[in-house]
């Protein structure tokens, strides 16, 4: 009997949301619904429910690395998503541990700077360190508020082009004031647009779901543009799955 499944294995490194809307639980649900097997490393045990956020209880660097290192004894992860993390220095360390084991690992960073309940995790970044980290990543997926923190003083398009010097950047348009939610993927080859009409239903954790769905599609062999398009469609199904703040994950969303 094999210890590991035959399906692609992916990893999420993120916080634990007890409500299951975001973080590790949302990532694992998304992986499962998109046909890949997910493993997880926890960076924070958060205190929150569906509508409110109290605090992140950060897990120390040593414990995070210990979680990761034990998993790496069995799996050389080709595809990794990183979400909530305490600071850029820790993010840089974690990325280095990943690529030391697998040089060509495709790492997606979803820069969670603020919870849906408006709790702020990060409001400034160190430019040089950000550039160093991005140069090691495959894709960064900020929303409009997060891209403004990553590249202060620039509009979203200028910031996307700036960061795309170091890695691909998907700027999510769900927080725009327009009638459409257009995501823009900035790459060395050009800019790609993924449009959808804004839904009347708000959901928790859509950023986690989108980045995890992208990762799952990459793991199944899609190129980045197709992976982003498929993930956008999956999030549409998640948003329209019901009228609550909690979305349903389903193969039917594909």
C-alpha atoms as a PDB file:
ATOM      1  CA  UNK A   1       0.000   0.000   0.000  1.00  0.00           C
ATOM      2  CA  UNK A   2       1.315   3.446  -0.916  1.00  0.00           C
ATOM      3  CA  UNK A   3       1.668   5.965   1.883  1.00  0.00           C
ATOM      4  CA  UNK A   4       0.758   8.885  -0.381  1.00  0.00           C
ATOM      5  CA  UNK A   5      -2.127   9.398  -2.831  1.00  0.00           C
ATOM      6  CA  UNK A   6      -1.710   9.270  -6.611  1.00  0.00           C
ATOM      7  CA  UNK A   7      -3.309  12.699  -7.086  1.00  0.00           C
ATOM      8  CA  UNK A   8      -1.138  15.851  -7.104  1.00  0.00           C
ATOM      9  CA  UNK A   9      -0.074  16.900  -3.592  1.00  0.00           C
ATOM     10  CA  UNK A  10      -0.001  20.592  -2.712  1.00  0.00           C
ATOM     11  CA  UNK A  11       0.793  22.533   0.460  1.00  0.00           C
ATOM     12  CA  UNK A  12      -0.778  25.508   2.175  1.00  0.00           C
ATOM     13  CA  UNK A  13       1.064  27.514   4.820  1.00  0.00           C
ATOM     14  CA  UNK A  14      -1.483  29.782   6.494  1.00  0.00           C
ATOM     15  CA  UNK A  15      -3.520  30.608   9.570  1.00  0.00           C
ATOM     16  CA  UNK A  16      -6.281  28.523  11.127  1.00  0.00           C
ATOM     17  CA  UNK A  17      -9.745  30.118  10.968  1.00  0.00           C
ATOM     18  CA  UNK A  18     -12.070  28.179  13.325  1.00  0.00           C
ATOM     19  CA  UNK A  19     -15.130  29.241  11.297  1.00  0.00           C
ATOM     20  CA  UNK A  20     -13.783  27.436   8.244  1.00  0.00           C
ATOM     21  CA  UNK A  21     -14.319  30.416   5.946  1.00  0.00           C
ATOM     22  CA  UNK A  22     -10.694  31.340   5.296  1.00  0.00           C
ATOM     23  CA  UNK A  23      -7.154  30.168   5.962  1.00  0.00           C
ATOM     24  CA  UNK A  24      -6.155  26.518   6.145  1.00  0.00           C
ATOM     25  CA  UNK A  25      -9.662  25.085   6.199  1.00  0.00           C
ATOM     26  CA  UNK A  26     -10.769  27.087   3.159  1.00  0.00           C
ATOM     27  CA  UNK A  27      -7.582  26.103   1.342  1.00  0.00           C
ATOM     28  CA  UNK A  28      -8.035  22.396   2.047  1.00  0.00           C
ATOM     29  CA  UNK A  29     -11.701  22.493   0.959  1.00  0.00           C
ATOM     30  CA  UNK A  30     -10.689  24.241  -2.262  1.00  0.00           C
ATOM     31  CA  UNK A  31      -7.911  21.740  -2.951  1.00  0.00           C
ATOM     32  CA  UNK A  32     -10.269  18.815  -2.441  1.00  0.00           C
ATOM     33  CA  UNK A  33     -12.962  20.261  -4.705  1.00  0.00           C
ATOM     34  CA  UNK A  34     -10.357  20.958  -7.390  1.00  0.00           C
ATOM     35  CA  UNK A  35      -9.012  17.418  -7.421  1.00  0.00           C
ATOM     36  CA  UNK A  36      -5.708  17.684  -5.557  1.00  0.00           C
ATOM     37  CA  UNK A  37      -4.589  16.465  -2.135  1.00  0.00           C
ATOM     38  CA  UNK A  38      -3.738  19.235   0.322  1.00  0.00           C
ATOM     39  CA  UNK A  39      -1.367  19.267   3.274  1.00  0.00           C
ATOM     40  CA  UNK A  40      -1.017  22.182   5.679  1.00  0.00           C
ATOM     41  CA  UNK A  41       1.357  24.067   7.964  1.00  0.00           C
ATOM     42  CA  UNK A  42      -0.252  26.390  10.527  1.00  0.00           C
ATOM     43  CA  UNK A  43       1.173  29.903  11.088  1.00  0.00           C
ATOM     44  CA  UNK A  44      -1.414  31.229  13.570  1.00  0.00           C
ATOM     45  CA  UNK A  45      -4.330  29.990  15.642  1.00  0.00           C
ATOM     46  CA  UNK A  46      -6.725  32.857  15.124  1.00  0.00           C
ATOM     47  CA  UNK A  47      -9.675  33.764  17.331  1.00  0.00           C
ATOM     48  CA  UNK A  48     -12.564  34.531  15.007  1.00  0.00           C
ATOM     49  CA  UNK A  49     -15.999  33.516  13.876  1.00  0.00           C
ATOM     50  CA  UNK A  50     -17.888  34.195  10.655  1.00  0.00           C
ATOM     51  CA  UNK A  51     -18.503  37.891  11.391  1.00  0.00           C
ATOM     52  CA  UNK A  52     -15.766  39.038  13.766  1.00  0.00           C
ATOM     53  CA  UNK A  53     -12.035  38.747  14.337  1.00  0.00           C
ATOM     54  CA  UNK A  54     -10.429  39.055  17.763  1.00  0.00           C
ATOM     55  CA  UNK A  55      -6.713  38.280  17.388  1.00  0.00           C
ATOM     56  CA  UNK A  56      -4.056  36.147  15.661  1.00  0.00           C
ATOM     57  CA  UNK A  57      -2.087  33.926  18.021  1.00  0.00           C
ATOM     58  CA  UNK A  58       1.130  33.640  16.051  1.00  0.00           C
ATOM     59  CA  UNK A  59       3.008  30.368  15.956  1.00  0.00           C
ATOM     60  CA  UNK A  60       6.773  30.728  16.366  1.00  0.00           C
ATOM     61  CA  UNK A  61       9.258  30.332  13.542  1.00  0.00           C
ATOM     62  CA  UNK A  62      10.803  27.162  14.961  1.00  0.00           C
ATOM     63  CA  UNK A  63       7.452  25.403  15.251  1.00  0.00           C
ATOM     64  CA  UNK A  64       6.451  26.442  11.727  1.00  0.00           C
ATOM     65  CA  UNK A  65       9.734  25.131  10.315  1.00  0.00           C
ATOM     66  CA  UNK A  66       9.372  21.919  12.324  1.00  0.00           C
ATOM     67  CA  UNK A  67       5.901  21.339  10.862  1.00  0.00           C
ATOM     68  CA  UNK A  68       7.209  21.962   7.364  1.00  0.00           C
ATOM     69  CA  UNK A  69      10.398  19.938   7.704  1.00  0.00           C
ATOM     70  CA  UNK A  70       8.584  16.805   8.831  1.00  0.00           C
ATOM     71  CA  UNK A  71       6.217  16.994   5.862  1.00  0.00           C
ATOM     72  CA  UNK A  72       9.204  17.495   3.561  1.00  0.00           C
ATOM     73  CA  UNK A  73      10.632  14.162   4.706  1.00  0.00           C
ATOM     74  CA  UNK A  74       7.854  12.542   2.673  1.00  0.00           C
ATOM     75  CA  UNK A  75       6.977  15.125   0.017  1.00  0.00           C
ATOM     76  CA  UNK A  76       9.118  17.444  -2.097  1.00  0.00           C
ATOM     77  CA  UNK A  77       6.441  20.059  -2.652  1.00  0.00           C
ATOM     78  CA  UNK A  78       6.251  21.389  -6.199  1.00  0.00           C
ATOM     79  CA  UNK A  79       3.261  23.627  -5.478  1.00  0.00           C
ATOM     80  CA  UNK A  80       2.842  25.752  -2.333  1.00  0.00           C
ATOM     81  CA  UNK A  81       0.473  28.534  -1.308  1.00  0.00           C
ATOM     82  CA  UNK A  82       1.397  30.884   1.560  1.00  0.00           C
ATOM     83  CA  UNK A  83      -1.278  32.991   3.221  1.00  0.00           C
ATOM     84  CA  UNK A  84      -1.325  34.661   6.626  1.00  0.00           C
ATOM     85  CA  UNK A  85       2.172  34.996   8.075  1.00  0.00           C
ATOM     86  CA  UNK A  86       3.517  37.197  10.841  1.00  0.00           C
ATOM     87  CA  UNK A  87       6.047  39.272   8.910  1.00  0.00           C
ATOM     88  CA  UNK A  88       8.165  39.427   5.760  1.00  0.00           C
ATOM     89  CA  UNK A  89      11.283  38.165   7.511  1.00  0.00           C
ATOM     90  CA  UNK A  90       9.474  34.960   8.456  1.00  0.00           C
ATOM     91  CA  UNK A  91       8.009  34.688   4.962  1.00  0.00           C
ATOM     92  CA  UNK A  92      11.517  34.956   3.524  1.00  0.00           C
ATOM     93  CA  UNK A  93      12.764  32.193   5.835  1.00  0.00           C
ATOM     94  CA  UNK A  94       9.886  29.878   4.940  1.00  0.00           C
ATOM     95  CA  UNK A  95      10.379  30.464   1.209  1.00  0.00           C
ATOM     96  CA  UNK A  96      14.081  29.665   1.561  1.00  0.00           C
ATOM     97  CA  UNK A  97      13.294  26.390   3.342  1.00  0.00           C
ATOM     98  CA  UNK A  98      10.911  25.463   0.535  1.00  0.00           C
ATOM     99  CA  UNK A  99      13.259  26.211  -2.349  1.00  0.00           C
ATOM    100  CA  UNK A 100      16.254  24.661  -0.599  1.00  0.00           C
ATOM    101  CA  UNK A 101      14.363  21.374  -0.787  1.00  0.00           C
ATOM    102  CA  UNK A 102      12.783  21.989  -4.222  1.00  0.00           C
ATOM    103  CA  UNK A 103      14.526  24.667  -6.280  1.00  0.00           C
ATOM    104  CA  UNK A 104      11.813  24.890  -8.924  1.00  0.00           C
ATOM    105  CA  UNK A 105       8.862  24.916  -6.514  1.00  0.00           C
ATOM    106  CA  UNK A 106       6.002  27.136  -7.674  1.00  0.00           C
ATOM    107  CA  UNK A 107       5.106  29.254  -4.644  1.00  0.00           C
ATOM    108  CA  UNK A 108       2.043  31.501  -4.543  1.00  0.00           C
ATOM    109  CA  UNK A 109       1.876  34.196  -1.877  1.00  0.00           C
ATOM    110  CA  UNK A 110      -1.553  35.579  -1.025  1.00  0.00           C
ATOM    111  CA  UNK A 111      -0.530  38.637   1.052  1.00  0.00           C
ATOM    112  CA  UNK A 112      -3.192  38.729   3.760  1.00  0.00           C
ATOM    113  CA  UNK A 113      -2.856  42.241   5.187  1.00  0.00           C
ATOM    114  CA  UNK A 114      -6.330  42.671   6.658  1.00  0.00           C
ATOM    115  CA  UNK A 115      -9.085  40.295   7.751  1.00  0.00           C
ATOM    116  CA  UNK A 116     -12.595  40.623   6.332  1.00  0.00           C
ATOM    117  CA  UNK A 117     -13.622  41.866   9.794  1.00  0.00           C
ATOM    118  CA  UNK A 118     -11.159  44.766   9.297  1.00  0.00           C
ATOM    119  CA  UNK A 119      -8.428  43.539  11.679  1.00  0.00           C
ATOM    120  CA  UNK A 120      -5.139  44.847  10.221  1.00  0.00           C
ATOM    121  CA  UNK A 121      -2.191  42.422  10.187  1.00  0.00           C
ATOM    122  CA  UNK A 122       0.304  44.468   8.149  1.00  0.00           C
ATOM    123  CA  UNK A 123       0.219  48.063   6.924  1.00  0.00           C
ATOM    124  CA  UNK A 124       3.836  48.627   5.825  1.00  0.00           C
ATOM    125  CA  UNK A 125       6.457  46.540   4.063  1.00  0.00           C
ATOM    126  CA  UNK A 126      10.207  46.871   3.564  1.00  0.00           C
ATOM    127  CA  UNK A 127      10.748  47.460  -0.154  1.00  0.00           C
ATOM    128  CA  UNK A 128      14.108  45.723  -0.541  1.00  0.00           C
ATOM    129  CA  UNK A 129      12.989  42.661   1.379  1.00  0.00           C
ATOM    130  CA  UNK A 130       9.743  42.510  -0.601  1.00  0.00           C
ATOM    131  CA  UNK A 131      11.670  42.554  -3.872  1.00  0.00           C
ATOM    132  CA  UNK A 132      14.032  39.837  -2.613  1.00  0.00           C
ATOM    133  CA  UNK A 133      11.107  37.608  -1.663  1.00  0.00           C
ATOM    134  CA  UNK A 134       9.118  38.201  -4.843  1.00  0.00           C
ATOM    135  CA  UNK A 135      12.123  37.182  -6.943  1.00  0.00           C
ATOM    136  CA  UNK A 136      11.769  33.689  -5.425  1.00  0.00           C
ATOM    137  CA  UNK A 137       8.009  33.400  -5.947  1.00  0.00           C
ATOM    138  CA  UNK A 138       5.908  32.184  -8.860  1.00  0.00           C
ATOM    139  CA  UNK A 139       2.886  34.417  -8.229  1.00  0.00           C
ATOM    140  CA  UNK A 140       1.598  37.044  -5.789  1.00  0.00           C
ATOM    141  CA  UNK A 141      -2.180  37.592  -5.497  1.00  0.00           C
ATOM    142  CA  UNK A 142      -2.953  40.906  -3.727  1.00  0.00           C
ATOM    143  CA  UNK A 143      -6.313  42.642  -3.771  1.00  0.00           C
ATOM    144  CA  UNK A 144      -6.534  46.387  -4.385  1.00  0.00           C
ATOM    145  CA  UNK A 145      -5.971  47.288  -0.730  1.00  0.00           C
ATOM    146  CA  UNK A 146      -3.018  44.918  -0.425  1.00  0.00           C
ATOM    147  CA  UNK A 147      -1.284  46.079  -3.612  1.00  0.00           C
ATOM    148  CA  UNK A 148      -1.435  49.629  -2.208  1.00  0.00           C
ATOM    149  CA  UNK A 149       0.436  48.418   0.881  1.00  0.00           C
ATOM    150  CA  UNK A 150       3.007  46.475  -1.155  1.00  0.00           C
ATOM    151  CA  UNK A 151       3.684  49.418  -3.478  1.00  0.00           C
ATOM    152  CA  UNK A 152       2.644  52.646  -1.722  1.00  0.00           C
ATOM    153  CA  UNK A 153       2.186  55.741  -3.845  1.00  0.00           C
ATOM    154  CA  UNK A 154       1.391  53.776  -7.023  1.00  0.00           C
ATOM    155  CA  UNK A 155      -1.948  53.018  -8.594  1.00  0.00           C
ATOM    156  CA  UNK A 156      -2.833  49.345  -8.962  1.00  0.00           C
ATOM    157  CA  UNK A 157      -1.672  49.037 -12.567  1.00  0.00           C
ATOM    158  CA  UNK A 158       1.671  50.713 -11.910  1.00  0.00           C
ATOM    159  CA  UNK A 159       2.175  48.581  -8.812  1.00  0.00           C
ATOM    160  CA  UNK A 160       1.368  45.394 -10.730  1.00  0.00           C
ATOM    161  CA  UNK A 161       3.858  46.277 -13.450  1.00  0.00           C
ATOM    162  CA  UNK A 162       6.507  47.175 -10.879  1.00  0.00           C
ATOM    163  CA  UNK A 163       6.189  43.912  -8.939  1.00  0.00           C
ATOM    164  CA  UNK A 164       6.006  41.866 -12.150  1.00  0.00           C
ATOM    165  CA  UNK A 165       9.710  42.641 -12.609  1.00  0.00           C
ATOM    166  CA  UNK A 166      10.274  40.060  -9.875  1.00  0.00           C
ATOM    167  CA  UNK A 167       7.378  37.578 -10.270  1.00  0.00           C
ATOM    168  CA  UNK A 168       3.916  37.286 -11.760  1.00  0.00           C
ATOM    169  CA  UNK A 169       1.267  39.424 -10.025  1.00  0.00           C
ATOM    170  CA  UNK A 170      -2.493  38.869 -10.044  1.00  0.00           C
ATOM    171  CA  UNK A 171      -4.231  42.017  -8.822  1.00  0.00           C
ATOM    172  CA  UNK A 172      -7.726  41.024  -7.716  1.00  0.00           C
ATOM    173  CA  UNK A 173     -10.479  43.465  -8.632  1.00  0.00           C
ATOM    174  CA  UNK A 174     -13.252  42.348  -6.307  1.00  0.00           C
ATOM    175  CA  UNK A 175     -12.864  45.452  -4.127  1.00  0.00           C
ATOM    176  CA  UNK A 176     -13.146  47.878  -7.034  1.00  0.00           C
ATOM    177  CA  UNK A 177     -15.956  50.426  -7.214  1.00  0.00           C
ATOM    178  CA  UNK A 178     -16.949  49.363 -10.731  1.00  0.00           C
ATOM    179  CA  UNK A 179     -19.771  46.996 -11.718  1.00  0.00           C
ATOM    180  CA  UNK A 180     -17.297  44.306 -12.765  1.00  0.00           C
ATOM    181  CA  UNK A 181     -14.658  42.426 -10.784  1.00  0.00           C
ATOM    182  CA  UNK A 182     -11.738  42.345 -13.196  1.00  0.00           C
ATOM    183  CA  UNK A 183      -8.566  40.582 -12.074  1.00  0.00           C
ATOM    184  CA  UNK A 184      -5.362  41.545 -13.882  1.00  0.00           C
ATOM    185  CA  UNK A 185      -2.406  39.195 -14.259  1.00  0.00           C
ATOM    186  CA  UNK A 186       0.880  41.046 -14.807  1.00  0.00           C
ATOM    187  CA  UNK A 187       3.662  38.969 -16.375  1.00  0.00           C
ATOM    188  CA  UNK A 188       6.850  39.571 -18.336  1.00  0.00           C
ATOM    189  CA  UNK A 189       4.918  38.600 -21.456  1.00  0.00           C
ATOM    190  CA  UNK A 190       2.061  41.043 -20.909  1.00  0.00           C
ATOM    191  CA  UNK A 191      -1.130  41.711 -18.971  1.00  0.00           C
ATOM    192  CA  UNK A 192      -4.101  39.314 -18.957  1.00  0.00           C
ATOM    193  CA  UNK A 193      -7.630  40.203 -17.876  1.00  0.00           C
ATOM    194  CA  UNK A 194     -10.183  37.992 -16.122  1.00  0.00           C
ATOM    195  CA  UNK A 195     -13.583  39.655 -15.994  1.00  0.00           C
ATOM    196  CA  UNK A 196     -16.773  38.786 -14.163  1.00  0.00           C
ATOM    197  CA  UNK A 197     -19.874  40.658 -13.072  1.00  0.00           C
ATOM    198  CA  UNK A 198     -19.870  41.425  -9.364  1.00  0.00           C
ATOM    199  CA  UNK A 199     -22.173  39.133  -7.442  1.00  0.00           C
ATOM    200  CA  UNK A 200     -24.765  40.356  -4.972  1.00  0.00           C
ATOM    201  CA  UNK A 201     -23.518  37.779  -2.474  1.00  0.00           C
ATOM    202  CA  UNK A 202     -20.547  38.578  -0.275  1.00  0.00           C
ATOM    203  CA  UNK A 203     -18.459  35.684   1.010  1.00  0.00           C
ATOM    204  CA  UNK A 204     -15.661  35.280   3.526  1.00  0.00           C
ATOM    205  CA  UNK A 205     -12.330  33.910   2.339  1.00  0.00           C
ATOM    206  CA  UNK A 206     -12.595  34.526  -1.406  1.00  0.00           C
ATOM    207  CA  UNK A 207      -8.916  35.512  -1.617  1.00  0.00           C
ATOM    208  CA  UNK A 208      -7.873  32.249   0.016  1.00  0.00           C
ATOM    209  CA  UNK A 209     -10.171  30.292  -2.275  1.00  0.00           C
ATOM    210  CA  UNK A 210      -8.887  31.984  -5.431  1.00  0.00           C
ATOM    211  CA  UNK A 211      -5.183  31.498  -4.698  1.00  0.00           C
ATOM    212  CA  UNK A 212      -5.755  27.890  -3.629  1.00  0.00           C
ATOM    213  CA  UNK A 213      -7.751  27.148  -6.766  1.00  0.00           C
ATOM    214  CA  UNK A 214      -4.954  28.634  -8.886  1.00  0.00           C
ATOM    215  CA  UNK A 215      -2.440  26.412  -7.111  1.00  0.00           C
ATOM    216  CA  UNK A 216      -4.601  23.327  -7.649  1.00  0.00           C
ATOM    217  CA  UNK A 217      -4.900  24.042 -11.364  1.00  0.00           C
ATOM    218  CA  UNK A 218      -1.157  24.568 -11.684  1.00  0.00           C
ATOM    219  CA  UNK A 219      -0.586  21.247  -9.930  1.00  0.00           C
ATOM    220  CA  UNK A 220      -2.864  19.556 -12.469  1.00  0.00           C
ATOM    221  CA  UNK A 221      -0.736  20.904 -15.321  1.00  0.00           C
ATOM    222  CA  UNK A 222      -2.391  24.158 -16.392  1.00  0.00           C
ATOM    223  CA  UNK A 223      -0.287  27.108 -17.479  1.00  0.00           C
ATOM    224  CA  UNK A 224      -0.675  30.181 -15.297  1.00  0.00           C
ATOM    225  CA  UNK A 225      -3.198  32.063 -17.489  1.00  0.00           C
ATOM    226  CA  UNK A 226      -5.519  29.059 -17.732  1.00  0.00           C
ATOM    227  CA  UNK A 227      -5.056  28.309 -14.029  1.00  0.00           C
ATOM    228  CA  UNK A 228      -6.173  31.845 -13.152  1.00  0.00           C
ATOM    229  CA  UNK A 229      -9.165  31.624 -15.510  1.00  0.00           C
ATOM    230  CA  UNK A 230     -10.279  28.293 -14.059  1.00  0.00           C
ATOM    231  CA  UNK A 231      -9.864  29.608 -10.520  1.00  0.00           C
ATOM    232  CA  UNK A 232     -11.924  32.695 -11.344  1.00  0.00           C
ATOM    233  CA  UNK A 233     -14.731  30.423 -12.519  1.00  0.00           C
ATOM    234  CA  UNK A 234     -14.461  28.355  -9.344  1.00  0.00           C
ATOM    235  CA  UNK A 235     -14.763  31.474  -7.155  1.00  0.00           C
ATOM    236  CA  UNK A 236     -17.873  32.498  -9.133  1.00  0.00           C
ATOM    237  CA  UNK A 237     -19.453  29.190  -8.146  1.00  0.00           C
ATOM    238  CA  UNK A 238     -18.343  29.697  -4.544  1.00  0.00           C
ATOM    239  CA  UNK A 239     -19.878  33.186  -4.428  1.00  0.00           C
ATOM    240  CA  UNK A 240     -23.215  32.095  -5.896  1.00  0.00           C
ATOM    241  CA  UNK A 241     -23.474  28.838  -3.913  1.00  0.00           C
ATOM    242  CA  UNK A 242     -25.844  30.357  -1.312  1.00  0.00           C
ATOM    243  CA  UNK A 243     -26.966  33.655   0.239  1.00  0.00           C
ATOM    244  CA  UNK A 244     -24.834  33.487   3.411  1.00  0.00           C
ATOM    245  CA  UNK A 245     -21.301  34.690   4.160  1.00  0.00           C
ATOM    246  CA  UNK A 246     -20.135  31.064   4.082  1.00  0.00           C
ATOM    247  CA  UNK A 247     -19.625  29.582   0.609  1.00  0.00           C
ATOM    248  CA  UNK A 248     -20.024  25.950  -0.418  1.00  0.00           C
ATOM    249  CA  UNK A 249     -17.089  24.140  -2.026  1.00  0.00           C
ATOM    250  CA  UNK A 250     -18.102  21.713  -4.729  1.00  0.00           C
ATOM    251  CA  UNK A 251     -16.881  19.996  -7.883  1.00  0.00           C
ATOM    252  CA  UNK A 252     -20.015  21.562  -9.406  1.00  0.00           C
ATOM    253  CA  UNK A 253     -18.315  24.967  -9.048  1.00  0.00           C
ATOM    254  CA  UNK A 254     -15.776  24.002 -11.728  1.00  0.00           C
END
